[in-house]
């Protein structure tokens, strides 16, 4: 069972009786909502405000969390070129090539983090 908190983004689970059987504006299928209240002493313990501005309450098993984390960074060709030049000039690439030098060496993960950060 997933653990929810106020502010989480959720959807009605496809396994829920409310996914298809009770489809209406208060049980919107494939719609994002935000948890506004949780009362664990109630059977229908989770209050959700839907993007449609309607709200309803649900059992814990009726909802699923939505992954709101970014899926990754998309780089344009010109930005990739700029980052590769920056990596070469600053010596970030030396670690992978095995070249020695006075610069500190970074792991591949550190290089990727540095290249994709918004610095």
N, C-alpha and C. Protein backbone atom coordinates (compact mmCIF):
# COMPACT_ATOMS: atom_id res chain seq x y z
N UNK A 1 0.85 -1.18 0.00
CA UNK A 1 0.00 0.00 0.00
C UNK A 1 0.89 1.24 0.00
N UNK A 2 0.58 2.17 -0.86
CA UNK A 2 1.36 3.39 -0.95
C UNK A 2 1.06 4.30 0.25
N UNK A 3 2.05 5.10 0.60
CA UNK A 3 1.86 6.04 1.69
C UNK A 3 1.62 7.43 1.10
N UNK A 4 0.55 8.06 1.50
CA UNK A 4 0.16 9.35 0.95
C UNK A 4 0.37 10.45 1.97
N UNK A 5 0.54 11.68 1.45
CA UNK A 5 0.57 12.86 2.32
C UNK A 5 -0.15 14.00 1.61
N UNK A 6 -0.61 14.96 2.39
CA UNK A 6 -1.28 16.13 1.82
C UNK A 6 -0.34 16.81 0.82
N UNK A 7 -0.88 17.15 -0.35
CA UNK A 7 -0.09 17.78 -1.41
C UNK A 7 0.36 16.81 -2.49
N UNK A 8 0.30 15.50 -2.22
CA UNK A 8 0.68 14.51 -3.24
C UNK A 8 -0.24 14.59 -4.44
N UNK A 9 0.31 14.33 -5.63
CA UNK A 9 -0.48 14.23 -6.86
C UNK A 9 -0.90 12.78 -7.03
N UNK A 10 -2.19 12.58 -7.32
CA UNK A 10 -2.73 11.23 -7.42
C UNK A 10 -3.68 11.11 -8.61
N UNK A 11 -4.03 9.88 -8.91
CA UNK A 11 -5.07 9.53 -9.87
C UNK A 11 -5.87 8.38 -9.28
N UNK A 12 -7.05 8.17 -9.82
CA UNK A 12 -7.84 7.01 -9.42
C UNK A 12 -7.17 5.77 -10.02
N UNK A 13 -6.94 4.77 -9.19
CA UNK A 13 -6.30 3.52 -9.64
C UNK A 13 -7.21 2.79 -10.62
N UNK A 14 -6.63 2.17 -11.62
CA UNK A 14 -7.43 1.41 -12.59
C UNK A 14 -8.15 0.24 -11.93
N UNK A 15 -7.65 -0.20 -10.77
CA UNK A 15 -8.29 -1.30 -10.04
C UNK A 15 -9.45 -0.82 -9.16
N UNK A 16 -9.63 0.48 -9.06
CA UNK A 16 -10.68 1.03 -8.20
C UNK A 16 -12.05 0.90 -8.86
N UNK A 17 -13.07 0.69 -8.02
CA UNK A 17 -14.44 0.65 -8.53
C UNK A 17 -14.84 2.00 -9.13
N UNK A 18 -14.14 3.07 -8.77
CA UNK A 18 -14.48 4.41 -9.25
C UNK A 18 -13.82 4.74 -10.58
N UNK A 19 -12.94 3.87 -11.06
CA UNK A 19 -12.23 4.14 -12.32
C UNK A 19 -13.19 4.13 -13.51
N UNK A 20 -14.10 3.17 -13.56
CA UNK A 20 -15.02 3.08 -14.70
C UNK A 20 -16.49 3.06 -14.25
N UNK A 21 -16.80 2.32 -13.23
CA UNK A 21 -18.20 2.10 -12.86
C UNK A 21 -18.92 3.37 -12.43
N UNK A 22 -18.24 4.23 -11.70
CA UNK A 22 -18.87 5.45 -11.20
C UNK A 22 -18.27 6.68 -11.88
N UNK A 23 -18.02 6.57 -13.16
CA UNK A 23 -17.38 7.65 -13.91
C UNK A 23 -18.32 8.86 -13.98
N UNK A 24 -17.86 9.97 -13.41
CA UNK A 24 -18.58 11.24 -13.47
C UNK A 24 -17.59 12.35 -13.13
N UNK A 25 -18.06 13.57 -13.05
CA UNK A 25 -17.15 14.69 -12.80
C UNK A 25 -16.50 14.62 -11.41
N UNK A 26 -17.08 13.85 -10.49
CA UNK A 26 -16.50 13.72 -9.16
C UNK A 26 -15.55 12.54 -9.04
N UNK A 27 -15.51 11.68 -10.05
CA UNK A 27 -14.59 10.55 -10.13
C UNK A 27 -13.96 10.54 -11.53
N UNK A 28 -13.16 11.55 -11.85
CA UNK A 28 -12.66 11.67 -13.22
C UNK A 28 -11.56 10.66 -13.56
N UNK A 29 -11.80 9.91 -14.62
CA UNK A 29 -10.86 8.91 -15.09
C UNK A 29 -9.64 9.60 -15.71
N UNK A 30 -8.44 9.08 -15.42
CA UNK A 30 -7.17 9.56 -16.00
C UNK A 30 -6.99 11.06 -15.82
N UNK A 31 -7.31 11.56 -14.65
CA UNK A 31 -7.18 12.97 -14.34
C UNK A 31 -6.32 13.12 -13.09
N UNK A 32 -5.44 14.12 -13.09
CA UNK A 32 -4.60 14.37 -11.93
C UNK A 32 -5.38 15.10 -10.85
N UNK A 33 -5.06 14.78 -9.62
CA UNK A 33 -5.66 15.45 -8.47
C UNK A 33 -4.63 15.67 -7.39
N UNK A 34 -4.97 16.49 -6.41
CA UNK A 34 -4.08 16.80 -5.29
C UNK A 34 -4.77 16.42 -3.99
N UNK A 35 -4.06 15.71 -3.14
CA UNK A 35 -4.61 15.35 -1.83
C UNK A 35 -4.68 16.60 -0.97
N UNK A 36 -5.89 16.88 -0.45
CA UNK A 36 -6.09 18.07 0.37
C UNK A 36 -6.24 17.75 1.85
N UNK A 37 -6.58 16.50 2.18
CA UNK A 37 -6.76 16.13 3.58
C UNK A 37 -6.70 14.61 3.70
N UNK A 38 -6.18 14.15 4.82
CA UNK A 38 -6.16 12.72 5.13
C UNK A 38 -6.65 12.54 6.56
N UNK A 39 -7.68 11.72 6.71
CA UNK A 39 -8.24 11.41 8.03
C UNK A 39 -8.25 9.90 8.18
N UNK A 40 -7.23 9.35 8.82
CA UNK A 40 -7.06 7.90 8.89
C UNK A 40 -8.15 7.21 9.70
N UNK A 41 -8.94 7.97 10.44
CA UNK A 41 -10.02 7.38 11.22
C UNK A 41 -11.29 7.14 10.39
N UNK A 42 -11.31 7.62 9.17
CA UNK A 42 -12.46 7.46 8.29
C UNK A 42 -12.20 6.37 7.25
N UNK A 43 -13.24 5.67 6.81
CA UNK A 43 -13.08 4.65 5.76
C UNK A 43 -12.65 5.31 4.46
N UNK A 44 -13.34 6.39 4.08
CA UNK A 44 -12.96 7.16 2.90
C UNK A 44 -12.09 8.31 3.41
N UNK A 45 -10.82 8.00 3.60
CA UNK A 45 -9.93 8.86 4.39
C UNK A 45 -9.16 9.92 3.60
N UNK A 46 -9.15 9.84 2.27
CA UNK A 46 -8.32 10.75 1.49
C UNK A 46 -9.19 11.67 0.65
N UNK A 47 -9.10 12.97 0.91
CA UNK A 47 -9.82 13.97 0.13
C UNK A 47 -8.94 14.43 -1.02
N UNK A 48 -9.53 14.47 -2.23
CA UNK A 48 -8.77 14.84 -3.43
C UNK A 48 -9.49 15.97 -4.16
N UNK A 49 -8.73 16.98 -4.55
CA UNK A 49 -9.22 18.05 -5.41
C UNK A 49 -8.70 17.76 -6.81
N UNK A 50 -9.62 17.54 -7.75
CA UNK A 50 -9.25 17.19 -9.12
C UNK A 50 -8.96 18.44 -9.94
N UNK A 51 -8.22 18.27 -11.04
CA UNK A 51 -7.92 19.38 -11.95
C UNK A 51 -9.20 20.03 -12.49
N UNK A 52 -10.28 19.30 -12.44
CA UNK A 52 -11.57 19.80 -12.91
C UNK A 52 -12.26 20.70 -11.88
N UNK A 53 -11.58 20.92 -10.74
CA UNK A 53 -12.08 21.71 -9.60
C UNK A 53 -13.21 21.03 -8.84
N UNK A 54 -13.43 19.75 -9.08
CA UNK A 54 -14.35 18.95 -8.27
C UNK A 54 -13.52 18.20 -7.25
N UNK A 55 -14.17 17.78 -6.18
CA UNK A 55 -13.44 17.01 -5.17
C UNK A 55 -14.28 15.84 -4.71
N UNK A 56 -13.60 14.87 -4.10
CA UNK A 56 -14.26 13.68 -3.58
C UNK A 56 -13.33 13.04 -2.56
N UNK A 57 -13.83 12.07 -1.83
CA UNK A 57 -12.99 11.35 -0.86
C UNK A 57 -12.94 9.87 -1.26
N UNK A 58 -11.81 9.24 -0.92
CA UNK A 58 -11.53 7.88 -1.38
C UNK A 58 -10.87 7.05 -0.29
N UNK A 59 -10.97 5.74 -0.47
CA UNK A 59 -10.18 4.82 0.34
C UNK A 59 -8.75 4.86 -0.19
N UNK A 60 -7.81 4.50 0.65
CA UNK A 60 -6.39 4.51 0.24
C UNK A 60 -6.16 3.68 -1.02
N UNK A 61 -6.80 2.50 -1.09
CA UNK A 61 -6.55 1.60 -2.22
C UNK A 61 -7.15 2.10 -3.54
N UNK A 62 -7.98 3.15 -3.49
CA UNK A 62 -8.58 3.69 -4.71
C UNK A 62 -7.67 4.65 -5.47
N UNK A 63 -6.52 5.00 -4.87
CA UNK A 63 -5.65 6.02 -5.48
C UNK A 63 -4.24 5.50 -5.72
N UNK A 64 -3.60 6.10 -6.70
CA UNK A 64 -2.18 5.84 -6.96
C UNK A 64 -1.45 7.17 -7.02
N UNK A 65 -0.20 7.15 -6.55
CA UNK A 65 0.63 8.35 -6.65
C UNK A 65 1.09 8.56 -8.08
N UNK A 66 1.20 9.81 -8.46
CA UNK A 66 1.72 10.15 -9.79
C UNK A 66 3.17 10.56 -9.62
N UNK A 67 4.03 10.03 -10.47
CA UNK A 67 5.44 10.41 -10.45
C UNK A 67 5.57 11.79 -11.08
N UNK A 68 5.91 12.78 -10.26
CA UNK A 68 6.03 14.15 -10.78
C UNK A 68 7.48 14.57 -10.96
N UNK A 69 8.38 13.63 -10.80
CA UNK A 69 9.79 13.94 -11.00
C UNK A 69 10.07 14.07 -12.49
N UNK A 70 10.99 14.95 -12.86
CA UNK A 70 11.35 15.08 -14.27
C UNK A 70 11.91 13.76 -14.81
N UNK A 71 11.59 13.43 -16.03
CA UNK A 71 12.03 12.18 -16.64
C UNK A 71 13.47 12.23 -17.14
N UNK A 72 14.05 13.40 -17.23
CA UNK A 72 15.41 13.54 -17.71
C UNK A 72 15.59 14.89 -18.36
N UNK A 73 16.79 15.14 -18.78
CA UNK A 73 17.10 16.41 -19.40
C UNK A 73 17.21 16.22 -20.90
N UNK A 74 16.55 17.06 -21.66
CA UNK A 74 16.65 17.04 -23.11
C UNK A 74 17.63 18.14 -23.52
N UNK A 75 18.63 17.75 -24.28
CA UNK A 75 19.62 18.71 -24.73
C UNK A 75 19.52 18.93 -26.24
N UNK A 76 19.61 20.18 -26.65
CA UNK A 76 19.66 20.47 -28.08
C UNK A 76 21.05 20.14 -28.58
N UNK A 77 21.19 20.03 -29.89
CA UNK A 77 22.49 19.71 -30.48
C UNK A 77 23.52 20.78 -30.14
N UNK A 78 23.13 22.05 -30.21
CA UNK A 78 24.07 23.13 -29.91
C UNK A 78 24.46 23.14 -28.44
N UNK A 79 23.51 22.85 -27.53
CA UNK A 79 23.83 22.80 -26.11
C UNK A 79 24.76 21.63 -25.81
N UNK A 80 24.53 20.49 -26.46
CA UNK A 80 25.40 19.34 -26.27
C UNK A 80 26.82 19.66 -26.73
N UNK A 81 26.94 20.33 -27.87
CA UNK A 81 28.25 20.73 -28.39
C UNK A 81 28.95 21.65 -27.39
N UNK A 82 28.21 22.64 -26.87
CA UNK A 82 28.76 23.57 -25.89
C UNK A 82 29.26 22.84 -24.65
N UNK A 83 28.47 21.88 -24.17
CA UNK A 83 28.85 21.14 -22.97
C UNK A 83 30.06 20.23 -23.21
N UNK A 84 30.13 19.63 -24.39
CA UNK A 84 31.28 18.78 -24.71
C UNK A 84 32.57 19.59 -24.81
N UNK A 85 32.47 20.78 -25.40
CA UNK A 85 33.64 21.66 -25.48
C UNK A 85 34.07 22.06 -24.07
N UNK A 86 33.10 22.42 -23.24
CA UNK A 86 33.38 22.80 -21.85
C UNK A 86 34.06 21.64 -21.12
N UNK A 87 33.57 20.43 -21.34
CA UNK A 87 34.16 19.25 -20.70
C UNK A 87 35.59 19.03 -21.14
N UNK A 88 35.86 19.20 -22.41
CA UNK A 88 37.21 19.02 -22.93
C UNK A 88 38.16 20.09 -22.40
N UNK A 89 37.74 21.34 -22.48
CA UNK A 89 38.59 22.46 -22.06
C UNK A 89 38.92 22.40 -20.58
N UNK A 90 37.97 22.03 -19.77
CA UNK A 90 38.20 22.00 -18.33
C UNK A 90 38.83 20.70 -17.84
N UNK A 91 38.99 19.74 -18.71
CA UNK A 91 39.64 18.50 -18.33
C UNK A 91 38.73 17.46 -17.71
N UNK A 92 37.43 17.68 -17.78
CA UNK A 92 36.51 16.70 -17.20
C UNK A 92 36.65 15.34 -17.87
N UNK A 93 37.00 15.37 -19.15
CA UNK A 93 37.08 14.11 -19.91
C UNK A 93 38.35 13.33 -19.61
N UNK A 94 39.34 13.93 -18.95
CA UNK A 94 40.60 13.25 -18.68
C UNK A 94 40.42 11.99 -17.86
N UNK A 95 39.48 11.98 -16.94
CA UNK A 95 39.28 10.81 -16.08
C UNK A 95 38.98 9.56 -16.91
N UNK A 96 38.10 9.68 -17.86
CA UNK A 96 37.70 8.51 -18.65
C UNK A 96 38.79 8.08 -19.62
N UNK A 97 39.60 9.03 -20.08
CA UNK A 97 40.64 8.67 -21.05
C UNK A 97 41.88 8.11 -20.37
N UNK A 98 41.99 8.30 -19.04
CA UNK A 98 43.14 7.77 -18.32
C UNK A 98 44.35 8.69 -18.36
N UNK A 99 44.20 9.87 -18.95
CA UNK A 99 45.34 10.80 -19.00
C UNK A 99 45.61 11.33 -17.61
N UNK A 100 46.87 11.61 -17.35
CA UNK A 100 47.21 12.15 -16.04
C UNK A 100 47.35 13.66 -16.14
N UNK A 101 47.29 14.32 -15.02
CA UNK A 101 47.41 15.77 -14.99
C UNK A 101 47.18 16.25 -13.58
N UNK A 102 47.24 17.56 -13.41
CA UNK A 102 47.11 18.11 -12.06
C UNK A 102 45.66 18.35 -11.65
N UNK A 103 44.73 18.32 -12.60
CA UNK A 103 43.33 18.56 -12.27
C UNK A 103 42.74 17.37 -11.51
N UNK A 104 41.80 17.66 -10.61
CA UNK A 104 41.13 16.55 -9.92
C UNK A 104 40.22 15.84 -10.92
N UNK A 105 40.08 14.55 -10.76
CA UNK A 105 39.30 13.75 -11.69
C UNK A 105 37.89 13.52 -11.16
N UNK A 106 36.92 13.47 -12.05
CA UNK A 106 35.53 13.27 -11.70
C UNK A 106 35.05 11.93 -12.24
N UNK A 107 34.07 11.35 -11.57
CA UNK A 107 33.47 10.13 -12.08
C UNK A 107 32.52 10.48 -13.23
N UNK A 108 32.11 9.49 -13.98
CA UNK A 108 31.16 9.71 -15.07
C UNK A 108 29.87 10.32 -14.53
N UNK A 109 29.41 9.83 -13.38
CA UNK A 109 28.18 10.36 -12.79
C UNK A 109 28.33 11.84 -12.44
N UNK A 110 29.49 12.22 -11.90
CA UNK A 110 29.73 13.62 -11.55
C UNK A 110 29.79 14.49 -12.81
N UNK A 111 30.39 13.96 -13.86
CA UNK A 111 30.46 14.71 -15.13
C UNK A 111 29.06 14.95 -15.67
N UNK A 112 28.23 13.90 -15.71
CA UNK A 112 26.87 14.04 -16.21
C UNK A 112 26.06 15.02 -15.37
N UNK A 113 26.22 14.97 -14.05
CA UNK A 113 25.52 15.89 -13.16
C UNK A 113 25.94 17.33 -13.46
N UNK A 114 27.23 17.55 -13.62
CA UNK A 114 27.75 18.88 -13.90
C UNK A 114 27.29 19.38 -15.27
N UNK A 115 27.29 18.51 -16.26
CA UNK A 115 26.90 18.90 -17.61
C UNK A 115 25.42 19.24 -17.72
N UNK A 116 24.60 18.57 -16.97
CA UNK A 116 23.16 18.78 -17.09
C UNK A 116 22.59 19.74 -16.04
N UNK A 117 23.43 20.22 -15.13
CA UNK A 117 22.93 21.19 -14.15
C UNK A 117 22.76 22.54 -14.83
N UNK A 118 21.96 23.38 -14.22
CA UNK A 118 21.68 24.70 -14.80
C UNK A 118 22.63 25.77 -14.28
N UNK A 119 23.90 25.48 -14.28
CA UNK A 119 24.90 26.45 -13.80
C UNK A 119 25.35 27.35 -14.93
